[in-house]
Amino acid sequence: MADQTEDLTSEYLNGFKSWSDYEYFRRLVEHRTEFESIPVRSHYSNVGHVEFWFRDKRSNRVWRLVEPDAPFRGLWAVVPANELQ
């Protein structure tokens, strides 16, 4: 059986198509029971992007969701282990 988190990731690897696409995805993740919101420990960028972190309770992986700010299309990616310290 495929990992549902990976299914979520594949569609958004290259960012979001629009602000509404990002908003839809953010609400989806926030309402999925396998995710819990955790504090951001290190930011993706020091440019001021709004960022959220979510821990997948099943795999214990931590994902970052960074909101888009044109021309940056936003980001949904696993947080590297060195940033979790």
PDB file of N, CA and C in Angstrom:
ATOM      1  N   MET A   1       0.847  -1.192   0.000  1.00  0.00           N
ATOM      2  CA  MET A   1       0.000   0.000   0.000  1.00  0.00           C
ATOM      3  C   MET A   1       0.888   1.249   0.000  1.00  0.00           C
ATOM      4  N   ALA A   2       0.610   2.194  -0.851  1.00  0.00           N
ATOM      5  CA  ALA A   2       1.404   3.415  -0.951  1.00  0.00           C
ATOM      6  C   ALA A   2       1.186   4.303   0.266  1.00  0.00           C
ATOM      7  N   ASP A   3       2.236   5.000   0.633  1.00  0.00           N
ATOM      8  CA  ASP A   3       2.185   5.944   1.746  1.00  0.00           C
ATOM      9  C   ASP A   3       1.337   7.140   1.324  1.00  0.00           C
ATOM     10  N   GLN A   4       0.274   7.436   2.063  1.00  0.00           N
ATOM     11  CA  GLN A   4      -0.619   8.544   1.698  1.00  0.00           C
ATOM     12  C   GLN A   4       0.096   9.882   1.762  1.00  0.00           C
ATOM     13  N   THR A   5       1.081  10.010   2.651  1.00  0.00           N
ATOM     14  CA  THR A   5       1.842  11.255   2.727  1.00  0.00           C
ATOM     15  C   THR A   5       2.617  11.463   1.437  1.00  0.00           C
ATOM     16  N   GLU A   6       3.203  10.396   0.911  1.00  0.00           N
ATOM     17  CA  GLU A   6       3.916  10.515  -0.357  1.00  0.00           C
ATOM     18  C   GLU A   6       2.964  10.903  -1.475  1.00  0.00           C
ATOM     19  N   ASP A   7       1.727  10.398  -1.439  1.00  0.00           N
ATOM     20  CA  ASP A   7       0.728  10.790  -2.428  1.00  0.00           C
ATOM     21  C   ASP A   7       0.470  12.293  -2.362  1.00  0.00           C
ATOM     22  N   LEU A   8       0.371  12.837  -1.149  1.00  0.00           N
ATOM     23  CA  LEU A   8       0.182  14.280  -0.985  1.00  0.00           C
ATOM     24  C   LEU A   8       1.373  15.037  -1.562  1.00  0.00           C
ATOM     25  N   THR A   9       2.557  14.544  -1.277  1.00  0.00           N
ATOM     26  CA  THR A   9       3.786  15.226  -1.665  1.00  0.00           C
ATOM     27  C   THR A   9       3.956  15.316  -3.169  1.00  0.00           C
ATOM     28  N   SER A  10       3.672  14.256  -3.870  1.00  0.00           N
ATOM     29  CA  SER A  10       3.974  14.205  -5.296  1.00  0.00           C
ATOM     30  C   SER A  10       3.324  15.328  -6.091  1.00  0.00           C
ATOM     31  N   GLU A  11       2.130  15.713  -5.715  1.00  0.00           N
ATOM     32  CA  GLU A  11       1.439  16.770  -6.453  1.00  0.00           C
ATOM     33  C   GLU A  11       2.041  18.147  -6.211  1.00  0.00           C
ATOM     34  N   TYR A  12       2.726  18.339  -5.079  1.00  0.00           N
ATOM     35  CA  TYR A  12       3.189  19.672  -4.703  1.00  0.00           C
ATOM     36  C   TYR A  12       4.707  19.795  -4.621  1.00  0.00           C
ATOM     37  N   LEU A  13       5.427  18.868  -5.224  1.00  0.00           N
ATOM     38  CA  LEU A  13       6.886  18.918  -5.185  1.00  0.00           C
ATOM     39  C   LEU A  13       7.447  20.191  -5.807  1.00  0.00           C
ATOM     40  N   ASN A  14       6.773  20.724  -6.794  1.00  0.00           N
ATOM     41  CA  ASN A  14       7.274  21.914  -7.489  1.00  0.00           C
ATOM     42  C   ASN A  14       6.528  23.180  -7.091  1.00  0.00           C
ATOM     43  N   GLY A  15       5.934  23.182  -5.917  1.00  0.00           N
ATOM     44  CA  GLY A  15       5.215  24.359  -5.458  1.00  0.00           C
ATOM     45  C   GLY A  15       3.739  24.300  -5.802  1.00  0.00           C
ATOM     46  N   PHE A  16       3.081  25.406  -5.584  1.00  0.00           N
ATOM     47  CA  PHE A  16       1.633  25.497  -5.753  1.00  0.00           C
ATOM     48  C   PHE A  16       1.309  26.324  -6.986  1.00  0.00           C
ATOM     49  N   LYS A  17       0.218  25.955  -7.651  1.00  0.00           N
ATOM     50  CA  LYS A  17      -0.174  26.637  -8.892  1.00  0.00           C
ATOM     51  C   LYS A  17      -0.772  28.010  -8.630  1.00  0.00           C
ATOM     52  N   SER A  18      -1.369  28.176  -7.441  1.00  0.00           N
ATOM     53  CA  SER A  18      -2.040  29.434  -7.118  1.00  0.00           C
ATOM     54  C   SER A  18      -2.171  29.544  -5.604  1.00  0.00           C
ATOM     55  N   TRP A  19      -2.580  30.720  -5.143  1.00  0.00           N
ATOM     56  CA  TRP A  19      -2.816  30.915  -3.708  1.00  0.00           C
ATOM     57  C   TRP A  19      -3.934  29.991  -3.226  1.00  0.00           C
ATOM     58  N   SER A  20      -4.987  29.844  -4.000  1.00  0.00           N
ATOM     59  CA  SER A  20      -6.095  28.977  -3.587  1.00  0.00           C
ATOM     60  C   SER A  20      -5.657  27.511  -3.535  1.00  0.00           C
ATOM     61  N   ASP A  21      -4.747  27.114  -4.403  1.00  0.00           N
ATOM     62  CA  ASP A  21      -4.184  25.764  -4.378  1.00  0.00           C
ATOM     63  C   ASP A  21      -3.429  25.544  -3.055  1.00  0.00           C
ATOM     64  N   TYR A  22      -2.629  26.526  -2.661  1.00  0.00           N
ATOM     65  CA  TYR A  22      -1.906  26.460  -1.387  1.00  0.00           C
ATOM     66  C   TYR A  22      -2.884  26.395  -0.211  1.00  0.00           C
ATOM     67  N   GLU A  23      -3.872  27.270  -0.197  1.00  0.00           N
ATOM     68  CA  GLU A  23      -4.853  27.314   0.896  1.00  0.00           C
ATOM     69  C   GLU A  23      -5.605  25.986   1.020  1.00  0.00           C
ATOM     70  N   TYR A  24      -5.989  25.420  -0.103  1.00  0.00           N
ATOM     71  CA  TYR A  24      -6.668  24.129  -0.101  1.00  0.00           C
ATOM     72  C   TYR A  24      -5.769  23.068   0.539  1.00  0.00           C
ATOM     73  N   PHE A  25      -4.517  23.033   0.112  1.00  0.00           N
ATOM     74  CA  PHE A  25      -3.585  22.034   0.622  1.00  0.00           C
ATOM     75  C   PHE A  25      -3.319  22.234   2.110  1.00  0.00           C
ATOM     76  N   ARG A  26      -3.121  23.476   2.537  1.00  0.00           N
ATOM     77  CA  ARG A  26      -2.870  23.756   3.957  1.00  0.00           C
ATOM     78  C   ARG A  26      -4.027  23.264   4.814  1.00  0.00           C
ATOM     79  N   ARG A  27      -5.255  23.545   4.415  1.00  0.00           N
ATOM     80  CA  ARG A  27      -6.427  23.074   5.174  1.00  0.00           C
ATOM     81  C   ARG A  27      -6.504  21.554   5.174  1.00  0.00           C
ATOM     82  N   LEU A  28      -6.178  20.942   4.047  1.00  0.00           N
ATOM     83  CA  LEU A  28      -6.187  19.486   3.957  1.00  0.00           C
ATOM     84  C   LEU A  28      -5.220  18.874   4.977  1.00  0.00           C
ATOM     85  N   VAL A  29      -4.004  19.375   5.017  1.00  0.00           N
ATOM     86  CA  VAL A  29      -2.999  18.853   5.949  1.00  0.00           C
ATOM     87  C   VAL A  29      -3.425  19.117   7.392  1.00  0.00           C
ATOM     88  N   GLU A  30      -3.921  20.305   7.660  1.00  0.00           N
ATOM     89  CA  GLU A  30      -4.329  20.645   9.036  1.00  0.00           C
ATOM     90  C   GLU A  30      -5.450  19.747   9.547  1.00  0.00           C
ATOM     91  N   HIS A  31      -6.260  19.220   8.660  1.00  0.00           N
ATOM     92  CA  HIS A  31      -7.392  18.388   9.078  1.00  0.00           C
ATOM     93  C   HIS A  31      -7.126  16.887   8.984  1.00  0.00           C
ATOM     94  N   ARG A  32      -5.977  16.509   8.452  1.00  0.00           N
ATOM     95  CA  ARG A  32      -5.633  15.079   8.393  1.00  0.00           C
ATOM     96  C   ARG A  32      -5.189  14.633   9.785  1.00  0.00           C
ATOM     97  N   THR A  33      -5.773  13.572  10.292  1.00  0.00           N
ATOM     98  CA  THR A  33      -5.485  13.129  11.664  1.00  0.00           C
ATOM     99  C   THR A  33      -4.085  12.568  11.823  1.00  0.00           C
ATOM    100  N   GLU A  34      -3.439  12.150  10.736  1.00  0.00           N
ATOM    101  CA  GLU A  34      -2.090  11.611  10.875  1.00  0.00           C
ATOM    102  C   GLU A  34      -1.022  12.694  11.031  1.00  0.00           C
ATOM    103  N   PHE A  35      -1.412  13.958  10.867  1.00  0.00           N
ATOM    104  CA  PHE A  35      -0.469  15.068  11.034  1.00  0.00           C
ATOM    105  C   PHE A  35      -0.755  15.824  12.322  1.00  0.00           C
ATOM    106  N   GLU A  36       0.327  16.249  12.980  1.00  0.00           N
ATOM    107  CA  GLU A  36       0.164  17.170  14.100  1.00  0.00           C
ATOM    108  C   GLU A  36       1.085  18.358  13.853  1.00  0.00           C
ATOM    109  N   SER A  37       0.578  19.536  14.148  1.00  0.00           N
ATOM    110  CA  SER A  37       1.350  20.754  13.991  1.00  0.00           C
ATOM    111  C   SER A  37       2.398  20.819  15.100  1.00  0.00           C
ATOM    112  N   ILE A  38       3.619  21.183  14.737  1.00  0.00           N
ATOM    113  CA  ILE A  38       4.685  21.342  15.721  1.00  0.00           C
ATOM    114  C   ILE A  38       5.370  22.685  15.461  1.00  0.00           C
ATOM    115  N   PRO A  39       6.094  23.212  16.458  1.00  0.00           N
ATOM    116  CA  PRO A  39       6.764  24.501  16.255  1.00  0.00           C
ATOM    117  C   PRO A  39       7.864  24.421  15.189  1.00  0.00           C
ATOM    118  N   VAL A  40       8.010  25.497  14.448  1.00  0.00           N
ATOM    119  CA  VAL A  40       9.084  25.614  13.453  1.00  0.00           C
ATOM    120  C   VAL A  40      10.380  25.867  14.220  1.00  0.00           C
ATOM    121  N   ARG A  41      11.403  25.057  13.958  1.00  0.00           N
ATOM    122  CA  ARG A  41      12.683  25.183  14.665  1.00  0.00           C
ATOM    123  C   ARG A  41      13.722  25.963  13.877  1.00  0.00           C
ATOM    124  N   SER A  42      13.660  25.878  12.564  1.00  0.00           N
ATOM    125  CA  SER A  42      14.552  26.678  11.718  1.00  0.00           C
ATOM    126  C   SER A  42      13.802  26.951  10.422  1.00  0.00           C
ATOM    127  N   HIS A  43      13.858  28.175   9.992  1.00  0.00           N
ATOM    128  CA  HIS A  43      13.080  28.575   8.825  1.00  0.00           C
ATOM    129  C   HIS A  43      13.777  28.208   7.518  1.00  0.00           C
ATOM    130  N   TYR A  44      12.962  27.917   6.526  1.00  0.00           N
ATOM    131  CA  TYR A  44      13.437  27.573   5.190  1.00  0.00           C
ATOM    132  C   TYR A  44      14.243  28.725   4.601  1.00  0.00           C
ATOM    133  N   SER A  45      13.787  29.916   4.876  1.00  0.00           N
ATOM    134  CA  SER A  45      14.415  31.111   4.317  1.00  0.00           C
ATOM    135  C   SER A  45      14.359  32.214   5.357  1.00  0.00           C
ATOM    136  N   ASN A  46      15.307  33.123   5.297  1.00  0.00           N
ATOM    137  CA  ASN A  46      15.269  34.263   6.219  1.00  0.00           C
ATOM    138  C   ASN A  46      14.607  35.476   5.576  1.00  0.00           C
ATOM    139  N   VAL A  47      13.834  35.231   4.518  1.00  0.00           N
ATOM    140  CA  VAL A  47      13.190  36.316   3.782  1.00  0.00           C
ATOM    141  C   VAL A  47      11.827  36.670   4.369  1.00  0.00           C
ATOM    142  N   GLY A  48      11.335  35.899   5.299  1.00  0.00           N
ATOM    143  CA  GLY A  48      10.069  36.230   5.940  1.00  0.00           C
ATOM    144  C   GLY A  48       8.878  35.429   5.474  1.00  0.00           C
ATOM    145  N   HIS A  49       9.118  34.325   4.780  1.00  0.00           N
ATOM    146  CA  HIS A  49       8.016  33.470   4.351  1.00  0.00           C
ATOM    147  C   HIS A  49       7.311  32.872   5.564  1.00  0.00           C
ATOM    148  N   VAL A  50       5.993  32.761   5.497  1.00  0.00           N
ATOM    149  CA  VAL A  50       5.215  32.108   6.548  1.00  0.00           C
ATOM    150  C   VAL A  50       5.396  30.601   6.382  1.00  0.00           C
ATOM    151  N   GLU A  51       5.709  29.936   7.490  1.00  0.00           N
ATOM    152  CA  GLU A  51       6.037  28.517   7.433  1.00  0.00           C
ATOM    153  C   GLU A  51       5.356  27.756   8.561  1.00  0.00           C
ATOM    154  N   PHE A  52       4.951  26.527   8.259  1.00  0.00           N
ATOM    155  CA  PHE A  52       4.347  25.626   9.236  1.00  0.00           C
ATOM    156  C   PHE A  52       5.076  24.292   9.167  1.00  0.00           C
ATOM    157  N   TRP A  53       5.194  23.614  10.311  1.00  0.00           N
ATOM    158  CA  TRP A  53       5.751  22.264  10.333  1.00  0.00           C
ATOM    159  C   TRP A  53       4.685  21.305  10.820  1.00  0.00           C
ATOM    160  N   PHE A  54       4.699  20.109  10.234  1.00  0.00           N
ATOM    161  CA  PHE A  54       3.756  19.054  10.603  1.00  0.00           C
ATOM    162  C   PHE A  54       4.518  17.747  10.764  1.00  0.00           C
ATOM    163  N   ARG A  55       4.243  17.041  11.850  1.00  0.00           N
ATOM    164  CA  ARG A  55       4.838  15.720  12.051  1.00  0.00           C
ATOM    165  C   ARG A  55       3.834  14.669  11.623  1.00  0.00           C
ATOM    166  N   ASP A  56       4.282  13.743  10.776  1.00  0.00           N
ATOM    167  CA  ASP A  56       3.461  12.608  10.374  1.00  0.00           C
ATOM    168  C   ASP A  56       3.570  11.584  11.503  1.00  0.00           C
ATOM    169  N   LYS A  57       2.480  11.339  12.199  1.00  0.00           N
ATOM    170  CA  LYS A  57       2.482  10.460  13.363  1.00  0.00           C
ATOM    171  C   LYS A  57       2.833   9.022  13.012  1.00  0.00           C
ATOM    172  N   ARG A  58       2.581   8.617  11.783  1.00  0.00           N
ATOM    173  CA  ARG A  58       2.853   7.230  11.383  1.00  0.00           C
ATOM    174  C   ARG A  58       4.324   6.997  11.087  1.00  0.00           C
ATOM    175  N   SER A  59       4.948   7.920  10.400  1.00  0.00           N
ATOM    176  CA  SER A  59       6.344   7.735   9.988  1.00  0.00           C
ATOM    177  C   SER A  59       7.319   8.527  10.855  1.00  0.00           C
ATOM    178  N   ASN A  60       6.792   9.468  11.627  1.00  0.00           N
ATOM    179  CA  ASN A  60       7.574  10.382  12.468  1.00  0.00           C
ATOM    180  C   ASN A  60       8.383  11.387  11.643  1.00  0.00           C
ATOM    181  N   ARG A  61       8.148  11.444  10.339  1.00  0.00           N
ATOM    182  CA  ARG A  61       8.811  12.456   9.510  1.00  0.00           C
ATOM    183  C   ARG A  61       8.176  13.815   9.764  1.00  0.00           C
ATOM    184  N   VAL A  62       9.003  14.844   9.658  1.00  0.00           N
ATOM    185  CA  VAL A  62       8.523  16.216   9.816  1.00  0.00           C
ATOM    186  C   VAL A  62       8.547  16.879   8.448  1.00  0.00           C
ATOM    187  N   TRP A  63       7.417  17.510   8.119  1.00  0.00           N
ATOM    188  CA  TRP A  63       7.247  18.179   6.831  1.00  0.00           C
ATOM    189  C   TRP A  63       7.123  19.678   7.058  1.00  0.00           C
ATOM    190  N   ARG A  64       7.641  20.448   6.121  1.00  0.00           N
ATOM    191  CA  ARG A  64       7.484  21.904   6.182  1.00  0.00           C
ATOM    192  C   ARG A  64       6.570  22.349   5.050  1.00  0.00           C
ATOM    193  N   LEU A  65       5.734  23.297   5.394  1.00  0.00           N
ATOM    194  CA  LEU A  65       4.837  23.919   4.426  1.00  0.00           C
ATOM    195  C   LEU A  65       5.135  25.407   4.448  1.00  0.00           C
ATOM    196  N   VAL A  66       5.630  25.917   3.339  1.00  0.00           N
ATOM    197  CA  VAL A  66       5.993  27.332   3.230  1.00  0.00           C
ATOM    198  C   VAL A  66       5.042  27.983   2.237  1.00  0.00           C
ATOM    199  N   GLU A  67       4.419  29.068   2.679  1.00  0.00           N
ATOM    200  CA  GLU A  67       3.428  29.695   1.790  1.00  0.00           C
ATOM    201  C   GLU A  67       4.101  30.409   0.627  1.00  0.00           C
ATOM    202  N   PRO A  68       3.424  30.435  -0.516  1.00  0.00           N
ATOM    203  CA  PRO A  68       3.982  31.083  -1.702  1.00  0.00           C
ATOM    204  C   PRO A  68       4.024  32.602  -1.553  1.00  0.00           C
ATOM    205  N   ASP A  69       5.002  33.184  -2.227  1.00  0.00           N
ATOM    206  CA  ASP A  69       5.150  34.635  -2.308  1.00  0.00           C
ATOM    207  C   ASP A  69       5.879  34.885  -3.630  1.00  0.00           C
ATOM    208  N   ALA A  70       5.100  35.207  -4.660  1.00  0.00           N
ATOM    209  CA  ALA A  70       5.629  35.286  -6.032  1.00  0.00           C
ATOM    210  C   ALA A  70       6.954  36.047  -6.075  1.00  0.00           C
ATOM    211  N   PRO A  71       7.902  35.540  -6.836  1.00  0.00           N
ATOM    212  CA  PRO A  71       7.803  34.423  -7.769  1.00  0.00           C
ATOM    213  C   PRO A  71       7.968  33.041  -7.107  1.00  0.00           C
ATOM    214  N   PHE A  72       8.273  32.994  -5.810  1.00  0.00           N
ATOM    215  CA  PHE A  72       8.395  31.722  -5.093  1.00  0.00           C
ATOM    216  C   PHE A  72       7.032  31.059  -5.024  1.00  0.00           C
ATOM    217  N   ARG A  73       6.958  29.792  -5.420  1.00  0.00           N
ATOM    218  CA  ARG A  73       5.675  29.088  -5.529  1.00  0.00           C
ATOM    219  C   ARG A  73       5.286  28.316  -4.271  1.00  0.00           C
ATOM    220  N   GLY A  74       6.053  28.477  -3.196  1.00  0.00           N
ATOM    221  CA  GLY A  74       5.758  27.756  -1.969  1.00  0.00           C
ATOM    222  C   GLY A  74       6.472  26.418  -1.945  1.00  0.00           C
ATOM    223  N   LEU A  75       6.341  25.716  -0.814  1.00  0.00           N
ATOM    224  CA  LEU A  75       7.088  24.477  -0.649  1.00  0.00           C
ATOM    225  C   LEU A  75       6.365  23.527   0.291  1.00  0.00           C
ATOM    226  N   TRP A  76       6.386  22.244  -0.031  1.00  0.00           N
ATOM    227  CA  TRP A  76       5.943  21.151   0.836  1.00  0.00           C
ATOM    228  C   TRP A  76       7.044  20.113   0.733  1.00  0.00           C
ATOM    229  N   ALA A  77       7.834  19.947   1.802  1.00  0.00           N
ATOM    230  CA  ALA A  77       8.991  19.045   1.737  1.00  0.00           C
ATOM    231  C   ALA A  77       9.338  18.524   3.119  1.00  0.00           C
ATOM    232  N   VAL A  78      10.031  17.399   3.150  1.00  0.00           N
ATOM    233  CA  VAL A  78      10.527  16.838   4.410  1.00  0.00           C
ATOM    234  C   VAL A  78      11.606  17.763   4.954  1.00  0.00           C
ATOM    235  N   VAL A  79      11.565  17.998   6.256  1.00  0.00           N
ATOM    236  CA  VAL A  79      12.586  18.812   6.917  1.00  0.00           C
ATOM    237  C   VAL A  79      13.827  17.931   7.083  1.00  0.00           C
ATOM    238  N   PRO A  80      15.004  18.404   6.631  1.00  0.00           N
ATOM    239  CA  PRO A  80      16.225  17.613   6.798  1.00  0.00           C
ATOM    240  C   PRO A  80      16.528  17.365   8.283  1.00  0.00           C
ATOM    241  N   ALA A  81      17.085  16.218   8.569  1.00  0.00           N
ATOM    242  CA  ALA A  81      17.355  15.811   9.951  1.00  0.00           C
ATOM    243  C   ALA A  81      18.192  16.828  10.712  1.00  0.00           C
ATOM    244  N   ASN A  82      19.162  17.472  10.040  1.00  0.00           N
ATOM    245  CA  ASN A  82      20.025  18.447  10.726  1.00  0.00           C
ATOM    246  C   ASN A  82      19.263  19.688  11.193  1.00  0.00           C
ATOM    247  N   GLU A  83      18.075  19.941  10.646  1.00  0.00           N
ATOM    248  CA  GLU A  83      17.271  21.083  11.076  1.00  0.00           C
ATOM    249  C   GLU A  83      16.345  20.730  12.229  1.00  0.00           C
ATOM    250  N   LEU A  84      16.265  19.451  12.571  1.00  0.00           N
ATOM    251  CA  LEU A  84      15.391  19.012  13.648  1.00  0.00           C
ATOM    252  C   LEU A  84      16.077  19.069  15.014  1.00  0.00           C
ATOM    253  N   GLN A  85      17.363  19.334  15.027  1.00  0.00           N
ATOM    254  CA  GLN A  85      18.135  19.366  16.277  1.00  0.00           C
ATOM    255  C   GLN A  85      17.736  20.538  17.144  1.00  0.00           C
TER     256      GLN A  85
END
